[in-house]
Amino acid sequence: MFAITGITGKVGGAVASRLLAAGQPVRAVLRDVARAGPWAELGCEIAIARMEDAASLTAAFEGAKGAFILPPSEFDPEPGFPEAQAVIDAVSKAIEKARPEKVVCLSTIGAQAQESNLLTQRTLMEQALRKMPMPVTFLRPAWFMENAAWDVASARDDGAIASYLLPLDKPVPMVATADVGRMAAELLQQTWDGVRIVELEGPRRVSPNDLASTFARVLDRPVRAEVVDRQTWDALFRSQGMKYPLPRMRMLDGFNEGWIEFEGPVDGIAHGDIELDKVLGELVLASAAVCGKN
């Protein structure tokens, strides 16, 4: 039995679907019983647990052949990352008590960075889980292609996408969430010793200009990428409701300045198969379906 957290999201759902397709038993770990129905219909065992609650997580992980840890992302964390630390403490206690046979944890590109930024939440999780007594794999994926969902409306309506990634012609490692889920499912079914890191990106790197040109092909209209001036970020993010924009700003700085990157050699990075065109096409279709309902 594989215990899968975050199963209602894109990555967790892809992990579970891959395992089920391989004939593996899955325990769906959810925080809301109202969302359990589809997974129960697929034959999953259901466990209700909150990622901040060690007791319920312990019950969810007990007897598991492997556990997939998908920490919730806090996009506007308080100083010191207390929200992430609460999850880290609960997950660590649950794993130590339940003792699943192995653990695969979703981390991130740049988890090794020394500079504090939004991704430091994953750095802290890695530091804690490195101490676990069972084999642990940290899957470090690149920037999710699906982050472009925020750009669909402006690309479609205005023919422009706002880019915080600079310069516009700099390729950035990106990957589709379905490829992340596939890789995590494969890793859970492997046998290894100790702690290992697996870094993952898509078939090719993508610059903001590449993103715009792909939108142009998908939408069949001209689309350009436009730089968002670094000096405007703080006020802009605060106007969007953020209270603590600095971690997000430093994450973007890390990509732009090159200190958020893969840690291992280039020839050691795993690659997914899904191209950007496919992901953007699906995002555009999904957006059109939602607009059609409104």
Protein backbone atom coordinates (compact mmCIF):
# COMPACT_ATOMS: atom_id res chain seq x y z
CA MET A 1 0.00 0.00 0.00
CA PHE A 2 1.33 3.41 -1.00
CA ALA A 3 0.12 6.41 1.02
CA ILE A 4 -0.22 9.48 -1.21
CA THR A 5 -0.63 12.97 0.24
CA GLY A 6 -1.79 15.88 -1.91
CA ILE A 7 -3.81 13.46 -3.99
CA THR A 8 -6.45 16.05 -4.98
CA GLY A 9 -3.79 18.19 -6.68
CA LYS A 10 -2.20 17.77 -10.10
CA VAL A 11 1.01 16.11 -8.94
CA GLY A 12 -0.46 13.93 -6.20
CA GLY A 13 -3.29 12.87 -8.47
CA ALA A 14 -0.83 11.92 -11.20
CA VAL A 15 1.22 9.87 -8.72
CA ALA A 16 -1.84 7.94 -7.57
CA SER A 17 -3.15 7.39 -11.10
CA ARG A 18 0.20 6.00 -12.23
CA LEU A 19 0.36 3.63 -9.27
CA LEU A 20 -3.20 2.42 -9.82
CA ALA A 21 -2.47 1.85 -13.52
CA ALA A 22 0.49 -0.31 -12.44
CA GLY A 23 -1.80 -2.40 -10.25
CA GLN A 24 -0.46 -0.99 -7.00
CA PRO A 25 -2.73 -0.43 -3.97
CA VAL A 26 -3.11 3.22 -2.97
CA ARG A 27 -4.17 4.91 0.22
CA ALA A 28 -5.51 8.36 -0.61
CA VAL A 29 -4.59 10.81 2.13
CA LEU A 30 -7.03 13.74 2.10
CA ARG A 31 -7.97 16.48 4.50
CA ASP A 32 -11.58 16.68 3.30
CA VAL A 33 -13.75 13.57 3.25
CA ALA A 34 -16.08 15.28 0.78
CA ARG A 35 -13.38 14.93 -1.89
CA ALA A 36 -12.74 11.24 -1.27
CA GLY A 37 -15.49 9.85 -3.52
CA PRO A 38 -13.65 9.70 -6.87
CA TRP A 39 -10.63 8.01 -5.30
CA ALA A 40 -12.75 5.53 -3.38
CA GLU A 41 -14.50 4.63 -6.64
CA LEU A 42 -11.09 3.86 -8.15
CA GLY A 43 -10.43 1.41 -5.35
CA CYS A 44 -8.27 3.54 -3.08
CA GLU A 45 -8.28 3.14 0.65
CA ILE A 46 -9.16 6.50 2.24
CA ALA A 47 -7.34 8.19 5.11
CA ILE A 48 -8.39 11.59 6.44
CA ALA A 49 -5.48 13.63 7.75
CA ARG A 50 -4.23 17.18 7.97
CA MET A 51 -0.61 17.86 7.10
CA GLU A 52 -0.22 19.81 10.35
CA ASP A 53 -1.59 16.94 12.49
CA ALA A 54 0.97 14.28 13.44
CA ALA A 55 -1.59 11.87 14.89
CA SER A 56 -3.79 11.64 11.78
CA LEU A 57 -0.73 11.48 9.52
CA THR A 58 0.69 8.64 11.60
CA ALA A 59 -2.48 6.65 11.08
CA ALA A 60 -2.35 7.44 7.34
CA PHE A 61 1.25 6.21 7.00
CA GLU A 62 1.04 3.08 9.17
CA GLY A 63 1.67 -0.13 7.25
CA ALA A 64 2.57 1.74 4.06
CA LYS A 65 5.08 0.25 1.65
CA GLY A 66 5.92 3.80 0.71
CA ALA A 67 4.73 7.33 1.45
CA PHE A 68 4.63 10.26 -0.95
CA ILE A 69 4.98 13.58 0.85
CA LEU A 70 3.62 16.61 -0.96
CA PRO A 71 4.00 19.57 1.41
CA PRO A 72 1.39 22.30 0.94
CA SER A 73 2.85 25.48 -0.51
CA GLU A 74 2.51 28.72 1.43
CA PHE A 75 2.82 31.52 -1.12
CA ASP A 76 2.81 34.36 1.42
CA PRO A 77 4.73 32.92 4.38
CA GLU A 78 5.33 34.78 7.60
CA PRO A 79 8.96 35.47 8.56
CA GLY A 80 10.68 32.26 9.64
CA PHE A 81 8.24 30.07 7.67
CA PRO A 82 6.11 29.00 10.68
CA GLU A 83 3.42 27.52 8.43
CA ALA A 84 5.93 25.21 6.74
CA GLN A 85 7.57 24.37 10.04
CA ALA A 86 4.27 23.16 11.49
CA VAL A 87 3.90 20.75 8.56
CA ILE A 88 7.54 19.64 8.80
CA ASP A 89 7.19 18.87 12.50
CA ALA A 90 3.99 16.87 11.99
CA VAL A 91 5.29 14.95 8.97
CA SER A 92 8.58 14.13 10.74
CA LYS A 93 6.82 12.81 13.84
CA ALA A 94 4.37 10.78 11.79
CA ILE A 95 7.08 9.16 9.67
CA GLU A 96 9.22 8.34 12.70
CA LYS A 97 6.27 6.71 14.46
CA ALA A 98 4.56 4.99 11.51
CA ARG A 99 7.78 3.84 9.82
CA PRO A 100 6.68 3.46 6.19
CA GLU A 101 9.19 1.34 4.30
CA LYS A 102 10.38 4.29 2.17
CA VAL A 103 9.57 7.92 1.50
CA VAL A 104 9.50 10.06 -1.64
CA CYS A 105 9.17 13.78 -0.90
CA LEU A 106 8.38 16.45 -3.46
CA SER A 107 11.03 19.13 -3.11
CA THR A 108 12.16 21.70 -5.67
CA ILE A 109 14.94 22.88 -7.92
CA GLY A 110 17.21 25.07 -5.84
CA ALA A 111 16.49 23.37 -2.51
CA GLN A 112 20.24 23.54 -1.84
CA ALA A 113 20.33 27.35 -2.11
CA GLN A 114 21.75 29.19 0.88
CA GLU A 115 19.77 32.38 0.23
CA SER A 116 16.39 32.55 2.00
CA ASN A 117 13.51 32.63 -0.48
CA LEU A 118 10.05 31.16 -1.07
CA LEU A 119 11.53 27.73 -1.83
CA THR A 120 13.32 27.60 1.53
CA GLN A 121 10.20 25.83 2.78
CA ARG A 122 11.38 22.78 0.81
CA THR A 123 14.97 23.20 2.06
CA LEU A 124 13.70 22.94 5.62
CA MET A 125 11.66 19.83 4.82
CA GLU A 126 14.70 18.18 3.24
CA GLN A 127 16.81 18.95 6.29
CA ALA A 128 14.27 17.29 8.57
CA LEU A 129 13.59 14.20 6.46
CA ARG A 130 17.28 13.49 5.88
CA LYS A 131 17.30 12.26 9.48
CA MET A 132 14.65 9.59 8.92
CA PRO A 133 15.63 5.94 9.47
CA MET A 134 14.20 4.63 6.18
CA PRO A 135 15.28 5.29 2.57
CA VAL A 136 14.25 8.78 1.42
CA THR A 137 14.23 10.31 -2.07
CA PHE A 138 13.86 14.02 -2.65
CA LEU A 139 12.36 14.71 -6.07
CA ARG A 140 13.44 18.18 -7.17
CA PRO A 141 11.39 19.29 -10.19
CA ALA A 142 11.92 22.42 -12.24
CA TRP A 143 9.51 25.36 -12.55
CA PHE A 144 6.04 23.94 -13.30
CA MET A 145 4.80 24.64 -16.82
CA GLU A 146 1.31 24.89 -15.33
CA ASN A 147 2.33 28.15 -13.64
CA ALA A 148 1.50 29.67 -17.03
CA ALA A 149 -2.18 29.32 -16.12
CA TRP A 150 -1.87 32.84 -14.72
CA ASP A 151 -0.94 34.10 -18.18
CA VAL A 152 -3.74 32.56 -20.24
CA ALA A 153 -6.20 35.47 -19.97
CA SER A 154 -3.66 38.17 -20.79
CA ALA A 155 -2.19 36.16 -23.65
CA ARG A 156 -5.64 35.54 -25.11
CA ASP A 157 -7.15 38.97 -24.52
CA ASP A 158 -4.17 41.35 -24.67
CA GLY A 159 -1.58 39.45 -26.70
CA ALA A 160 0.96 39.85 -23.91
CA ILE A 161 2.26 38.00 -20.86
CA ALA A 162 3.96 39.66 -17.90
CA SER A 163 7.35 38.13 -17.09
CA TYR A 164 9.20 38.24 -13.79
CA LEU A 165 11.80 35.89 -15.25
CA LEU A 166 14.61 37.92 -16.81
CA PRO A 167 16.09 38.38 -19.33
CA LEU A 168 13.34 37.41 -21.72
CA ASP A 169 15.64 35.20 -23.81
CA LYS A 170 17.10 33.23 -20.87
CA PRO A 171 15.99 29.56 -20.92
CA VAL A 172 14.68 28.25 -17.59
CA PRO A 173 14.20 24.58 -16.60
CA MET A 174 10.47 23.79 -16.68
CA VAL A 175 8.48 20.57 -16.38
CA ALA A 176 4.86 19.41 -16.66
CA THR A 177 3.17 18.26 -13.46
CA ALA A 178 2.15 15.01 -15.16
CA ASP A 179 5.83 14.20 -15.69
CA VAL A 180 6.51 14.97 -12.03
CA GLY A 181 3.75 12.60 -10.99
CA ARG A 182 5.01 9.88 -13.31
CA MET A 183 8.54 10.16 -11.94
CA ALA A 184 7.36 10.11 -8.32
CA ALA A 185 5.33 6.96 -8.96
CA GLU A 186 8.35 5.28 -10.55
CA LEU A 187 10.58 6.27 -7.63
CA LEU A 188 8.14 4.88 -5.07
CA GLN A 189 8.31 1.49 -6.77
CA GLN A 190 12.11 1.39 -6.71
CA THR A 191 14.46 0.06 -4.03
CA TRP A 192 17.38 2.14 -2.74
CA ASP A 193 19.38 2.82 0.41
CA GLY A 194 19.83 6.05 2.33
CA VAL A 195 19.04 9.49 0.96
CA ARG A 196 19.07 10.35 -2.72
CA ILE A 197 18.18 13.37 -4.84
CA VAL A 198 16.48 13.13 -8.24
CA GLU A 199 16.32 16.31 -10.31
CA LEU A 200 13.76 16.59 -13.10
CA GLU A 201 13.02 18.96 -15.97
CA GLY A 202 11.07 18.79 -19.21
CA PRO A 203 12.29 17.96 -22.73
CA ARG A 204 13.79 21.41 -23.25
CA ARG A 205 14.32 24.66 -21.36
CA VAL A 206 11.93 27.54 -21.88
CA SER A 207 12.57 31.28 -21.97
CA PRO A 208 9.82 33.88 -21.45
CA ASN A 209 10.02 34.56 -25.17
CA ASP A 210 9.55 30.85 -25.84
CA LEU A 211 6.52 30.88 -23.57
CA ALA A 212 5.02 33.79 -25.50
CA SER A 213 5.67 32.19 -28.90
CA THR A 214 4.09 28.93 -27.70
CA PHE A 215 1.02 30.80 -26.54
CA ALA A 216 0.95 32.44 -29.97
CA ARG A 217 0.86 29.04 -31.68
CA VAL A 218 -1.79 27.67 -29.35
CA LEU A 219 -4.00 30.78 -29.56
CA ASP A 220 -3.24 31.52 -33.22
CA ARG A 221 -2.55 35.16 -32.48
CA PRO A 222 0.56 37.27 -31.79
CA VAL A 223 1.71 37.12 -28.14
CA ARG A 224 4.71 38.93 -26.66
CA ALA A 225 6.46 38.72 -23.30
CA GLU A 226 6.79 41.97 -21.33
CA VAL A 227 9.25 42.62 -18.52
CA VAL A 228 7.85 43.51 -15.11
CA ASP A 229 10.30 46.02 -13.63
CA ARG A 230 11.97 44.62 -10.47
CA GLN A 231 11.45 47.96 -8.72
CA THR A 232 7.67 47.54 -8.96
CA TRP A 233 7.47 44.02 -7.52
CA ASP A 234 7.02 44.87 -3.86
CA ALA A 235 4.16 47.31 -4.41
CA LEU A 236 2.58 45.09 -7.06
CA PHE A 237 2.60 41.96 -4.89
CA ARG A 238 1.23 43.89 -1.93
CA SER A 239 -1.56 45.26 -4.13
CA GLN A 240 -2.43 41.64 -4.93
CA GLY A 241 -2.90 40.92 -1.23
CA MET A 242 0.50 39.67 -0.13
CA LYS A 243 1.73 40.73 3.30
CA TYR A 244 5.26 39.36 3.01
CA PRO A 245 6.38 39.62 -0.65
CA LEU A 246 10.13 39.36 -0.03
CA PRO A 247 10.40 35.54 -0.15
CA ARG A 248 8.65 35.47 -3.53
CA MET A 249 10.83 38.29 -4.81
CA ARG A 250 13.99 36.51 -3.68
CA MET A 251 12.85 33.30 -5.36
CA LEU A 252 12.48 35.15 -8.66
CA ASP A 253 15.86 36.79 -8.08
CA GLY A 254 17.31 33.33 -7.58
CA PHE A 255 16.13 32.14 -10.99
CA ASN A 256 17.24 35.38 -12.65
CA GLU A 257 20.63 35.54 -10.92
CA GLY A 258 21.36 31.83 -11.29
CA TRP A 259 21.55 30.68 -7.67
CA ILE A 260 18.29 28.74 -7.91
CA GLU A 261 19.36 25.95 -10.20
CA PHE A 262 19.91 22.20 -10.23
CA GLU A 263 22.59 20.98 -7.88
CA GLY A 264 23.89 17.98 -9.81
CA PRO A 265 25.64 17.72 -13.17
CA VAL A 266 23.63 18.38 -16.32
CA ASP A 267 23.99 14.80 -17.52
CA GLY A 268 22.46 13.56 -14.27
CA ILE A 269 19.17 15.46 -14.63
CA ALA A 270 16.14 13.36 -15.54
CA HIS A 271 13.85 14.57 -18.33
CA GLY A 272 10.11 14.38 -18.80
CA ASP A 273 8.40 13.82 -22.14
CA ILE A 274 5.61 16.40 -22.13
CA GLU A 275 6.15 19.48 -24.28
CA LEU A 276 5.07 23.01 -23.41
CA ASP A 277 2.64 23.13 -26.36
CA LYS A 278 0.58 20.33 -24.84
CA VAL A 279 0.43 21.94 -21.40
CA LEU A 280 -0.51 25.39 -22.71
CA GLY A 281 -3.10 23.88 -25.03
CA GLU A 282 -4.75 22.16 -22.07
CA LEU A 283 -4.62 25.35 -19.99
CA VAL A 284 -6.27 27.35 -22.77
CA LEU A 285 -9.01 24.74 -23.20
CA ALA A 286 -9.64 24.64 -19.46
CA SER A 287 -9.87 28.42 -19.33
CA ALA A 288 -12.30 28.47 -22.24
CA ALA A 289 -14.47 25.85 -20.53
CA VAL A 290 -14.60 27.91 -17.35
CA CYS A 291 -15.41 31.09 -19.27
CA GLY A 292 -18.16 29.23 -21.10
CA LYS A 293 -19.82 28.38 -17.81
CA ASN A 294 -19.82 31.98 -16.64
